[in-house]
Amino acid sequence: MVTGDIKNKVDNIWLTFHSGGITNPLSVIEQITYFLFIRGLDEVEEKRENEATVLGIEFKRIFPADKQHLRWSKFKNMEAAKMYQVVSEEVFPFIKNLNGNKDSGYAKYMSDAIFIIPTPQLLEKVVTSLSNLPMDDRDTKGDLYEYLLSKLSQSGTNGQFRTPRHIIRMIVELMKPRPDDIICDPAAGTSGFLVVAGEYLREKHEDLFLDKNSRNHFNNTMFWGFDMDRTMLRIGAMNMMLHGIENPNIIYKDSLSEFNTDTNQYTLVMTNPPFKGSLDYESVSSDLLKLTKTKKTELLFLALFLRMLKAGGRCASIVPDGVLFGSSKAHKEIRKEIIENHKLEAVISMPSGIFKPYAGVSTAIIIFTKTGAGGTDKVWFYDMKADGYSLDDKRSPVDANDIPDIVARYNNLVGEEGRQRTEQSFFVPKEDIVSNDYDLSVNKYKEVEYQEVEYAEPGEILKGIRELEEEIIEGVTELQKCIQVK
């Protein structure tokens, strides 16, 4: 857990960058990420040294004998000008060329690192401040970096890169990742879904780390994330490694393009793909266009999930409400494909304030399993009203929160049988959905229960108004008498 003291230290580092002229929040986090990588390399080297000393064995160094001054523990004690020269002219070129060192999980994300700190004084302040941050264990490292990432959500439009952590956690708890899963987020951003999936597995399946093969799968082949923003790739990779995943597969890839040929590879997809933005239609994979000929990324991503998943693979994706009820041919085709040829399990409608203050769009979570042979007989709907935060731009904590109820009910769908459509959650038979042109909006099926309200007769209402008026006149008269007496 990030304490107030650590938060203050991070806030001070943030202010240090701003006062030094680096104000773009992504640039700040990117530079901090570089330095956390560099500090991490030194910590790995120190650990190897200690183990070698105890065991009396040789080990392969990250920093050669003539490069020891490039270690964090060495240059952090240099005077500002010397430190600046070493870091800018030697440390950064060194880490950029570490890519050939396969033993370094850090290296492959640093090949295009750019040093932008303008002055020795700013560098000295940053290094000193980062040296004082506790990085003793996985939980502290992960929580610290999560707090750093939360600043993206406080810094204008860059908040679009982060799905609210509690919404990610809800989706992970709905999908229940398993130790043998191969998990992918094809629009990974800061890797929030993958990080929380890893945390869930540590909490619920501690024994997986006792088995060598399972542990190897967790660290090397379980988690896959794609993004087209190299800054996001670096941040996402660091986020995962600080949460204890040694070698995450965070890859530069345009998920919708012809270059992404992933087919029948993953068992679980959890994601919040982009709803809008630029799309190079000419480069979109023809496989996806065969399923839904459209330029709308939210529909193309649904087609992508179906192609990427293995048979029996599960998907939970955030989608804009338009996906649920859009009347275009492409909208209907993708809904029909999921319902008729696979198994649509749930649609959870979320209130429009979830992504405020950056977007007011209404969204939903769609959950399905790839079968290739149908299987949809009924769909569970939940009309979510609250997520524990106010639905205005401030997003302040409130008591109202449907998330625990959603998780509990989805994990006991047998108990949902027989619930009425006037309630917050209910089943809808496939036949009803088909007859409504595959419309998946909860309002299409939810029944509003009207309560009869009885009003008094008009004559009685007028009588009451006259009596109230007489009381007012009497009061005014008494007030006038009091004034006259004085």
Protein backbone atom coordinates (compact mmCIF):
# COMPACT_ATOMS: atom_id res chain seq x y z
CA MET A 1 0.00 0.00 0.00
CA VAL A 2 1.27 3.46 -0.91
CA THR A 3 1.55 5.51 2.28
CA GLY A 4 1.14 9.24 2.60
CA ASP A 5 4.92 9.60 2.92
CA ILE A 6 5.55 7.78 -0.37
CA LYS A 7 2.79 9.76 -2.10
CA ASN A 8 4.44 12.97 -0.96
CA LYS A 9 7.77 11.80 -2.35
CA VAL A 10 6.23 10.93 -5.71
CA ASP A 11 4.36 14.24 -5.79
CA ASN A 12 7.60 16.09 -5.09
CA ILE A 13 9.35 14.24 -7.94
CA TRP A 14 6.48 15.22 -10.22
CA LEU A 15 6.81 18.86 -9.18
CA THR A 16 10.58 18.67 -9.70
CA PHE A 17 10.07 17.70 -13.34
CA HIS A 18 7.48 20.43 -13.84
CA SER A 19 9.70 23.10 -12.32
CA GLY A 20 12.48 21.89 -14.61
CA GLY A 21 10.36 22.46 -17.71
CA ILE A 22 9.16 18.88 -18.36
CA THR A 23 5.38 19.22 -18.03
CA ASN A 24 3.93 16.57 -20.33
CA PRO A 25 2.74 13.82 -17.94
CA LEU A 26 3.68 11.06 -20.37
CA SER A 27 7.18 12.47 -20.72
CA VAL A 28 7.55 12.63 -16.94
CA ILE A 29 6.47 9.02 -16.46
CA GLU A 30 8.63 7.92 -19.40
CA GLN A 31 11.73 9.52 -17.88
CA ILE A 32 10.94 8.06 -14.46
CA THR A 33 10.48 4.69 -16.14
CA TYR A 34 13.96 4.89 -17.67
CA PHE A 35 15.51 5.63 -14.30
CA LEU A 36 13.59 2.88 -12.56
CA PHE A 37 14.91 0.50 -15.23
CA ILE A 38 18.46 1.73 -14.60
CA ARG A 39 18.06 1.41 -10.84
CA GLY A 40 16.57 -2.05 -11.35
CA LEU A 41 19.57 -3.18 -13.38
CA ASP A 42 21.89 -2.20 -10.53
CA GLU A 43 19.71 -4.05 -8.01
CA VAL A 44 19.80 -7.20 -10.16
CA GLU A 45 23.59 -6.89 -10.42
CA GLU A 46 23.91 -6.45 -6.66
CA LYS A 47 21.74 -9.50 -6.02
CA ARG A 48 23.90 -11.61 -8.35
CA GLU A 49 27.04 -10.36 -6.64
CA ASN A 50 25.75 -11.33 -3.21
CA GLU A 51 24.64 -14.77 -4.39
CA ALA A 52 27.99 -15.36 -6.08
CA THR A 53 29.84 -14.37 -2.93
CA VAL A 54 27.79 -16.73 -0.75
CA LEU A 55 28.00 -19.64 -3.20
CA GLY A 56 31.56 -18.95 -4.30
CA ILE A 57 30.71 -19.02 -8.01
CA GLU A 58 31.30 -16.84 -11.04
CA PHE A 59 28.41 -14.95 -12.61
CA LYS A 60 27.74 -13.04 -15.81
CA ARG A 61 27.77 -9.31 -15.14
CA ILE A 62 25.32 -6.81 -16.63
CA PHE A 63 27.92 -4.09 -16.11
CA PRO A 64 31.43 -5.09 -17.28
CA ALA A 65 34.40 -4.33 -15.04
CA ASP A 66 35.19 -1.14 -16.98
CA LYS A 67 31.54 0.04 -16.80
CA GLN A 68 30.96 -0.12 -13.04
CA HIS A 69 30.65 3.65 -12.86
CA LEU A 70 27.43 3.35 -14.90
CA ARG A 71 25.63 1.64 -12.04
CA TRP A 72 22.98 3.58 -10.11
CA SER A 73 24.75 3.05 -6.82
CA LYS A 74 27.90 4.64 -8.29
CA PHE A 75 26.71 7.65 -10.28
CA LYS A 76 24.07 8.72 -7.73
CA ASN A 77 26.91 9.93 -5.46
CA MET A 78 28.68 11.98 -8.16
CA GLU A 79 28.51 15.76 -8.21
CA ALA A 80 25.84 17.15 -10.55
CA ALA A 81 27.96 18.03 -13.62
CA LYS A 82 29.84 14.71 -13.57
CA MET A 83 26.62 12.76 -13.03
CA TYR A 84 25.00 14.54 -15.98
CA GLN A 85 27.93 13.72 -18.25
CA VAL A 86 27.99 10.04 -17.24
CA VAL A 87 24.21 9.51 -17.49
CA SER A 88 23.67 11.37 -20.76
CA GLU A 89 26.83 10.26 -22.59
CA GLU A 90 27.36 6.75 -21.19
CA VAL A 91 24.45 5.30 -19.19
CA PHE A 92 21.74 5.86 -21.78
CA PRO A 93 23.82 4.58 -24.74
CA PHE A 94 24.76 1.58 -22.59
CA ILE A 95 21.18 0.57 -21.74
CA LYS A 96 20.06 1.13 -25.34
CA ASN A 97 22.64 -1.42 -26.48
CA LEU A 98 21.72 -4.00 -23.84
CA ASN A 99 19.13 -5.54 -26.14
CA GLY A 100 21.47 -8.32 -27.11
CA ASN A 101 21.74 -9.46 -23.51
CA LYS A 102 18.99 -12.05 -23.32
CA ASP A 103 19.44 -12.33 -19.57
CA SER A 104 18.11 -8.81 -19.16
CA GLY A 105 14.34 -8.65 -19.23
CA TYR A 106 14.62 -4.88 -18.94
CA ALA A 107 16.74 -4.33 -22.01
CA LYS A 108 14.35 -4.96 -24.91
CA TYR A 109 12.13 -2.06 -23.87
CA MET A 110 14.96 0.45 -23.73
CA SER A 111 16.38 0.39 -27.26
CA ASP A 112 14.91 3.77 -28.20
CA ALA A 113 15.25 5.49 -24.82
CA ILE A 114 15.75 9.25 -25.07
CA PHE A 115 17.27 11.35 -22.31
CA ILE A 116 15.51 14.74 -22.15
CA ILE A 117 16.47 16.12 -18.73
CA PRO A 118 17.90 19.57 -19.59
CA THR A 119 20.23 20.43 -16.67
CA PRO A 120 22.63 18.73 -14.23
CA GLN A 121 20.76 20.28 -11.31
CA LEU A 122 17.43 18.74 -12.36
CA LEU A 123 19.07 15.36 -12.91
CA GLU A 124 20.66 15.43 -9.46
CA LYS A 125 17.32 16.23 -7.82
CA VAL A 126 15.54 13.45 -9.75
CA VAL A 127 18.19 10.80 -8.98
CA THR A 128 18.31 11.75 -5.31
CA SER A 129 14.52 11.67 -5.01
CA LEU A 130 14.19 8.33 -6.82
CA SER A 131 16.94 6.86 -4.62
CA ASN A 132 14.78 7.60 -1.59
CA LEU A 133 11.78 5.69 -2.92
CA PRO A 134 11.35 2.23 -1.30
CA MET A 135 11.69 -0.57 -3.87
CA ASP A 136 12.15 -3.42 -1.40
CA ASP A 137 9.44 -5.82 -2.53
CA ARG A 138 7.08 -6.53 -5.41
CA ASP A 139 3.98 -5.11 -3.71
CA THR A 140 5.66 -1.81 -2.84
CA LYS A 141 7.17 -1.46 -6.33
CA GLY A 142 3.86 -2.22 -8.00
CA ASP A 143 1.79 0.08 -5.81
CA LEU A 144 4.31 2.87 -6.25
CA TYR A 145 4.18 2.62 -10.03
CA GLU A 146 0.40 2.39 -9.99
CA TYR A 147 0.33 5.67 -8.09
CA LEU A 148 2.60 7.18 -10.73
CA LEU A 149 0.26 5.96 -13.46
CA SER A 150 -2.74 7.39 -11.64
CA LYS A 151 -1.29 10.80 -12.41
CA LEU A 152 -2.08 10.20 -16.07
CA SER A 153 -5.74 10.24 -15.07
CA GLN A 154 -5.23 13.60 -13.34
CA SER A 155 -3.54 15.25 -16.30
CA GLY A 156 -6.07 16.06 -18.96
CA THR A 157 -6.63 14.03 -22.09
CA ASN A 158 -3.92 11.50 -21.28
CA GLY A 159 -6.42 9.94 -18.88
CA GLN A 160 -7.82 8.07 -21.86
CA PHE A 161 -4.96 5.61 -21.51
CA ARG A 162 -6.19 4.24 -18.21
CA THR A 163 -9.30 2.23 -17.49
CA PRO A 164 -10.36 2.83 -13.86
CA ARG A 165 -8.59 0.29 -11.68
CA HIS A 166 -11.75 -0.82 -9.86
CA ILE A 167 -13.48 -1.55 -13.19
CA ILE A 168 -10.48 -3.64 -14.30
CA ARG A 169 -10.57 -5.52 -11.00
CA MET A 170 -14.30 -6.20 -11.43
CA ILE A 171 -13.75 -7.64 -14.92
CA VAL A 172 -10.87 -9.83 -13.72
CA GLU A 173 -13.00 -11.16 -10.86
CA LEU A 174 -15.78 -11.93 -13.33
CA MET A 175 -13.45 -13.83 -15.66
CA LYS A 176 -11.42 -15.65 -12.97
CA PRO A 177 -8.06 -16.18 -14.75
CA ARG A 178 -6.65 -19.69 -14.37
CA PRO A 179 -3.00 -20.82 -14.02
CA ASP A 180 -3.06 -22.41 -17.48
CA ASP A 181 -4.58 -19.38 -19.24
CA ILE A 182 -2.82 -17.48 -22.01
CA ILE A 183 -4.03 -13.94 -21.46
CA CYS A 184 -4.01 -11.15 -24.04
CA ASP A 185 -4.92 -7.47 -24.15
CA PRO A 186 -4.61 -6.30 -27.78
CA ALA A 187 -4.98 -2.66 -26.70
CA ALA A 188 -2.80 -2.89 -23.61
CA GLY A 189 -1.92 0.74 -22.82
CA THR A 190 -0.34 0.66 -19.35
CA SER A 191 -1.08 -3.10 -19.06
CA GLY A 192 -3.67 -2.63 -16.32
CA PHE A 193 -5.72 -5.73 -17.22
CA LEU A 194 -2.61 -7.93 -17.36
CA VAL A 195 -1.25 -6.58 -14.07
CA VAL A 196 -4.52 -7.17 -12.21
CA ALA A 197 -4.82 -10.64 -13.74
CA GLY A 198 -1.37 -11.42 -12.34
CA GLU A 199 -2.37 -10.11 -8.92
CA TYR A 200 -5.54 -12.22 -9.00
CA LEU A 201 -3.55 -15.37 -9.77
CA ARG A 202 -1.13 -14.65 -6.91
CA GLU A 203 -4.09 -14.27 -4.52
CA LYS A 204 -6.19 -17.22 -5.68
CA HIS A 205 -3.59 -19.68 -6.96
CA GLU A 206 -0.51 -19.34 -4.75
CA ASP A 207 0.41 -22.96 -5.42
CA LEU A 208 1.16 -22.26 -9.09
CA PHE A 209 4.54 -20.84 -8.00
CA LEU A 210 5.47 -24.17 -6.40
CA ASP A 211 5.49 -25.87 -9.79
CA LYS A 212 8.42 -25.05 -12.07
CA ASN A 213 6.45 -25.28 -15.32
CA SER A 214 3.56 -23.19 -13.99
CA ARG A 215 5.95 -20.59 -12.61
CA ASN A 216 7.78 -20.44 -15.94
CA HIS A 217 4.47 -20.03 -17.78
CA PHE A 218 3.45 -17.19 -15.45
CA ASN A 219 6.71 -15.31 -15.94
CA ASN A 220 7.28 -15.90 -19.66
CA THR A 221 4.33 -17.11 -21.72
CA MET A 222 1.08 -16.25 -19.94
CA PHE A 223 0.76 -12.48 -20.53
CA TRP A 224 0.60 -10.76 -23.93
CA GLY A 225 -0.09 -7.10 -24.62
CA PHE A 226 -0.04 -5.10 -27.85
CA ASP A 227 0.09 -1.36 -28.43
CA MET A 228 1.18 1.08 -31.14
CA ASP A 229 2.56 3.69 -28.75
CA ARG A 230 6.16 2.92 -27.75
CA THR A 231 5.84 5.06 -24.64
CA MET A 232 2.90 2.96 -23.54
CA LEU A 233 4.87 -0.21 -24.28
CA ARG A 234 7.69 0.90 -21.99
CA ILE A 235 5.33 2.03 -19.25
CA GLY A 236 3.24 -1.12 -19.54
CA ALA A 237 6.29 -3.39 -19.47
CA MET A 238 7.68 -1.64 -16.42
CA ASN A 239 4.29 -1.85 -14.72
CA MET A 240 4.24 -5.62 -15.19
CA MET A 241 7.84 -6.23 -14.16
CA LEU A 242 7.41 -4.16 -11.01
CA HIS A 243 4.40 -6.36 -10.24
CA GLY A 244 6.62 -9.43 -10.35
CA ILE A 245 6.13 -10.71 -13.92
CA GLU A 246 9.69 -11.27 -15.10
CA ASN A 247 9.37 -11.33 -18.88
CA PRO A 248 6.04 -9.91 -20.10
CA ASN A 249 5.34 -10.07 -23.81
CA ILE A 250 4.55 -6.41 -24.40
CA ILE A 251 4.86 -5.96 -28.15
CA TYR A 252 4.61 -3.17 -30.70
CA LYS A 253 1.76 -4.26 -32.93
CA ASP A 254 -1.20 -2.78 -34.78
CA SER A 255 -3.76 -5.32 -33.62
CA LEU A 256 -6.19 -4.67 -36.48
CA SER A 257 -3.65 -4.77 -39.32
CA GLU A 258 -2.69 -7.53 -41.74
CA PHE A 259 0.58 -7.85 -39.80
CA ASN A 260 -1.27 -9.27 -36.81
CA THR A 261 -1.83 -12.88 -37.80
CA ASP A 262 -2.66 -14.22 -34.32
CA THR A 263 -5.28 -16.94 -34.73
CA ASN A 264 -6.52 -19.45 -32.13
CA GLN A 265 -3.73 -18.47 -29.71
CA TYR A 266 -5.23 -17.16 -26.47
CA THR A 267 -7.60 -18.53 -23.86
CA LEU A 268 -8.60 -15.22 -22.27
CA VAL A 269 -8.94 -11.69 -23.64
CA MET A 270 -9.70 -8.78 -21.30
CA THR A 271 -9.51 -5.30 -22.76
CA ASN A 272 -10.85 -1.80 -23.27
CA PRO A 273 -10.11 -1.17 -26.96
CA PRO A 274 -10.21 2.31 -28.52
CA PHE A 275 -13.71 3.42 -29.50
CA LYS A 276 -12.64 6.20 -31.81
CA GLY A 277 -9.51 7.56 -33.38
CA SER A 278 -7.65 7.22 -36.64
CA LEU A 279 -7.86 3.96 -38.57
CA ASP A 280 -5.82 3.03 -41.62
CA TYR A 281 -8.65 1.21 -43.35
CA GLU A 282 -6.40 0.02 -46.18
CA SER A 283 -4.20 -1.89 -43.72
CA VAL A 284 -7.02 -3.55 -41.77
CA SER A 285 -6.84 -7.33 -41.89
CA SER A 286 -9.09 -8.76 -44.59
CA ASP A 287 -10.08 -11.56 -42.17
CA LEU A 288 -11.74 -9.01 -39.93
CA LEU A 289 -13.48 -7.19 -42.75
CA LYS A 290 -15.01 -10.45 -43.94
CA LEU A 291 -16.74 -10.74 -40.60
CA THR A 292 -17.82 -7.10 -40.33
CA LYS A 293 -17.09 -4.64 -43.13
CA THR A 294 -16.73 -1.38 -41.25
CA LYS A 295 -14.35 1.39 -40.25
CA LYS A 296 -15.53 1.35 -36.64
CA THR A 297 -12.69 0.09 -34.45
CA GLU A 298 -15.03 -1.14 -31.72
CA LEU A 299 -16.65 -3.60 -34.15
CA LEU A 300 -13.37 -4.67 -35.74
CA PHE A 301 -11.91 -5.46 -32.34
CA LEU A 302 -14.81 -7.81 -31.56
CA ALA A 303 -14.07 -9.64 -34.81
CA LEU A 304 -10.39 -9.73 -33.81
CA PHE A 305 -11.18 -11.34 -30.44
CA LEU A 306 -13.07 -14.12 -32.16
CA ARG A 307 -10.09 -14.82 -34.41
CA MET A 308 -7.45 -14.58 -31.67
CA LEU A 309 -9.16 -16.85 -29.14
CA LYS A 310 -8.79 -20.59 -29.03
CA ALA A 311 -11.99 -22.66 -29.06
CA GLY A 312 -13.35 -22.37 -25.53
CA GLY A 313 -11.52 -19.09 -25.00
CA ARG A 314 -13.30 -16.34 -23.06
CA CYS A 315 -13.53 -12.62 -23.67
CA ALA A 316 -14.60 -9.64 -21.59
CA SER A 317 -14.45 -6.31 -23.39
CA ILE A 318 -15.64 -2.82 -22.64
CA VAL A 319 -17.67 -1.49 -25.59
CA PRO A 320 -19.55 1.76 -26.26
CA ASP A 321 -23.32 1.39 -25.97
CA GLY A 322 -23.68 1.83 -29.73
CA VAL A 323 -22.26 -1.65 -30.24
CA LEU A 324 -25.27 -3.05 -28.39
CA PHE A 325 -28.04 -1.41 -30.41
CA GLY A 326 -26.46 0.10 -33.56
CA SER A 327 -28.69 -0.49 -36.58
CA SER A 328 -26.06 -0.59 -39.33
CA LYS A 329 -25.40 -3.83 -41.17
CA ALA A 330 -21.96 -4.12 -39.56
CA HIS A 331 -23.39 -3.71 -36.04
CA LYS A 332 -26.01 -6.38 -36.60
CA GLU A 333 -23.57 -8.77 -38.26
CA ILE A 334 -21.09 -8.83 -35.39
CA ARG A 335 -23.85 -9.23 -32.77
CA LYS A 336 -25.43 -12.03 -34.79
CA GLU A 337 -22.03 -13.74 -35.22
CA ILE A 338 -21.40 -13.79 -31.46
CA ILE A 339 -24.93 -14.89 -30.54
CA GLU A 340 -25.48 -17.50 -33.27
CA ASN A 341 -22.00 -18.98 -33.73
CA HIS A 342 -20.56 -18.57 -30.24
CA LYS A 343 -21.87 -18.20 -26.70
CA LEU A 344 -22.82 -14.75 -25.49
CA GLU A 345 -23.02 -14.94 -21.71
CA ALA A 346 -23.51 -11.47 -20.25
CA VAL A 347 -24.01 -7.79 -20.97
CA ILE A 348 -23.34 -5.40 -18.09
CA SER A 349 -24.52 -1.87 -18.77
CA MET A 350 -22.42 0.80 -17.04
CA PRO A 351 -23.44 4.41 -16.29
CA SER A 352 -22.11 7.20 -18.50
CA GLY A 353 -19.98 8.78 -15.76
CA ILE A 354 -17.52 5.86 -15.46
CA PHE A 355 -14.87 7.53 -17.65
CA LYS A 356 -15.45 11.12 -16.57
CA PRO A 357 -14.04 13.73 -16.66
CA TYR A 358 -12.47 12.66 -19.97
CA ALA A 359 -15.44 11.02 -21.69
CA GLY A 360 -19.15 10.94 -20.97
CA VAL A 361 -19.94 8.04 -23.29
CA SER A 362 -22.13 5.24 -21.98
CA THR A 363 -20.40 1.88 -22.02
CA ALA A 364 -21.03 -1.78 -21.31
CA ILE A 365 -19.07 -4.96 -20.68
CA ILE A 366 -19.76 -7.81 -23.09
CA ILE A 367 -18.72 -11.32 -22.06
CA PHE A 368 -18.67 -14.28 -24.44
CA THR A 369 -16.99 -17.61 -25.13
CA LYS A 370 -15.66 -18.64 -28.53
CA THR A 371 -17.22 -21.97 -29.51
CA GLY A 372 -17.63 -21.91 -33.29
CA ALA A 373 -20.77 -23.97 -32.80
CA GLY A 374 -23.20 -21.65 -31.03
CA GLY A 375 -24.33 -22.20 -27.47
CA THR A 376 -26.22 -19.01 -26.63
CA ASP A 377 -29.52 -19.96 -25.06
CA LYS A 378 -30.00 -16.98 -22.75
CA VAL A 379 -28.05 -13.83 -21.87
CA TRP A 380 -27.59 -12.33 -18.41
CA PHE A 381 -28.15 -8.58 -18.23
CA TYR A 382 -27.19 -6.27 -15.38
CA ASP A 383 -28.15 -2.61 -15.21
CA MET A 384 -25.29 -1.08 -13.23
CA LYS A 385 -26.20 2.21 -11.55
CA ALA A 386 -23.18 2.99 -9.35
CA ASP A 387 -19.50 2.03 -9.08
CA GLY A 388 -18.55 3.54 -5.73
CA TYR A 389 -17.76 7.00 -7.12
CA SER A 390 -19.85 10.02 -8.03
CA LEU A 391 -20.73 10.14 -11.71
CA ASP A 392 -19.72 13.77 -12.17
CA ASP A 393 -16.33 15.15 -13.19
CA LYS A 394 -15.01 14.97 -9.62
CA ARG A 395 -15.53 11.19 -9.26
CA SER A 396 -15.54 11.43 -5.47
CA PRO A 397 -16.02 8.24 -3.39
CA VAL A 398 -19.66 7.47 -2.50
CA ASP A 399 -21.41 4.63 -0.68
CA ALA A 400 -23.50 3.39 -3.63
CA ASN A 401 -21.62 0.58 -5.38
CA ASP A 402 -23.05 -2.23 -7.51
CA ILE A 403 -19.70 -3.93 -8.19
CA PRO A 404 -19.80 -6.45 -5.29
CA ASP A 405 -23.36 -7.38 -6.30
CA ILE A 406 -22.38 -7.83 -9.95
CA VAL A 407 -19.47 -10.15 -9.10
CA ALA A 408 -21.53 -12.17 -6.61
CA ARG A 409 -24.47 -12.60 -8.98
CA TYR A 410 -22.36 -13.47 -12.04
CA ASN A 411 -20.53 -16.11 -10.03
CA ASN A 412 -23.90 -17.66 -9.07
CA LEU A 413 -25.97 -17.43 -12.24
CA VAL A 414 -28.12 -20.35 -11.13
CA GLY A 415 -29.53 -18.06 -8.48
CA GLU A 416 -30.51 -15.54 -11.16
CA GLU A 417 -33.10 -17.87 -12.68
CA GLY A 418 -36.62 -16.54 -12.33
CA ARG A 419 -35.69 -12.93 -11.61
CA GLN A 420 -38.12 -10.45 -13.10
CA ARG A 421 -37.16 -7.89 -15.73
CA THR A 422 -38.17 -5.16 -13.31
CA GLU A 423 -35.12 -6.07 -11.22
CA GLN A 424 -31.54 -4.89 -11.70
CA SER A 425 -30.36 -8.19 -13.22
CA PHE A 426 -32.22 -10.84 -15.21
CA PHE A 427 -31.94 -13.39 -18.01
CA VAL A 428 -33.28 -12.84 -21.52
CA PRO A 429 -33.88 -15.90 -23.75
CA LYS A 430 -32.04 -15.97 -27.06
CA GLU A 431 -35.36 -16.02 -28.94
CA ASP A 432 -36.32 -12.62 -27.55
CA ILE A 433 -32.96 -11.15 -28.60
CA VAL A 434 -33.21 -12.58 -32.12
CA SER A 435 -36.75 -11.25 -32.54
CA ASN A 436 -35.45 -7.80 -31.57
CA ASP A 437 -32.84 -7.76 -34.37
CA TYR A 438 -30.09 -8.92 -31.97
CA ASP A 439 -30.44 -5.74 -29.91
CA LEU A 440 -28.41 -6.07 -26.69
CA SER A 441 -29.30 -2.84 -24.88
CA VAL A 442 -30.62 -3.51 -21.39
CA ASN A 443 -33.40 -0.93 -21.83
CA LYS A 444 -34.85 -3.02 -24.64
CA TYR A 445 -35.72 -5.77 -22.19
CA LYS A 446 -35.93 -4.08 -18.81
CA GLU A 447 -39.49 -3.52 -17.64
CA VAL A 448 -40.31 -0.38 -15.71
CA GLU A 449 -42.72 -0.94 -12.85
CA TYR A 450 -45.03 2.01 -12.47
CA GLN A 451 -46.60 2.72 -9.10
CA GLU A 452 -50.02 4.29 -8.96
CA VAL A 453 -50.02 7.63 -7.19
CA GLU A 454 -53.33 8.96 -5.83
CA TYR A 455 -53.91 12.71 -5.74
CA ALA A 456 -56.64 14.63 -3.90
CA GLU A 457 -59.65 16.02 -5.75
CA PRO A 458 -59.05 19.46 -7.36
CA GLY A 459 -61.57 21.01 -4.97
CA GLU A 460 -59.67 19.70 -1.97
CA ILE A 461 -56.39 21.00 -3.38
CA LEU A 462 -57.88 24.49 -3.89
CA LYS A 463 -59.33 24.45 -0.37
CA GLY A 464 -55.89 23.69 1.03
CA ILE A 465 -54.34 26.52 -0.99
CA ARG A 466 -56.96 29.00 0.38
CA GLU A 467 -56.33 27.89 3.95
CA LEU A 468 -52.57 28.29 3.46
CA GLU A 469 -53.09 31.75 1.97
CA GLU A 470 -55.27 32.81 4.94
CA GLU A 471 -52.54 31.67 7.35
CA ILE A 472 -49.96 33.76 5.46
CA ILE A 473 -52.18 36.86 5.52
CA GLU A 474 -52.80 36.39 9.26
CA GLY A 475 -49.06 36.09 9.90
CA VAL A 476 -48.31 39.24 7.87
CA THR A 477 -50.97 41.13 9.85
CA GLU A 478 -49.44 40.09 13.17
CA LEU A 479 -46.00 41.15 11.91
CA GLN A 480 -47.32 44.60 10.97
CA LYS A 481 -48.78 45.08 14.46
CA CYS A 482 -45.44 44.24 16.04
CA ILE A 483 -43.67 46.80 13.85
CA GLN A 484 -46.24 49.52 14.69
CA VAL A 485 -45.87 48.90 18.45
CA LYS A 486 -42.13 49.53 18.18
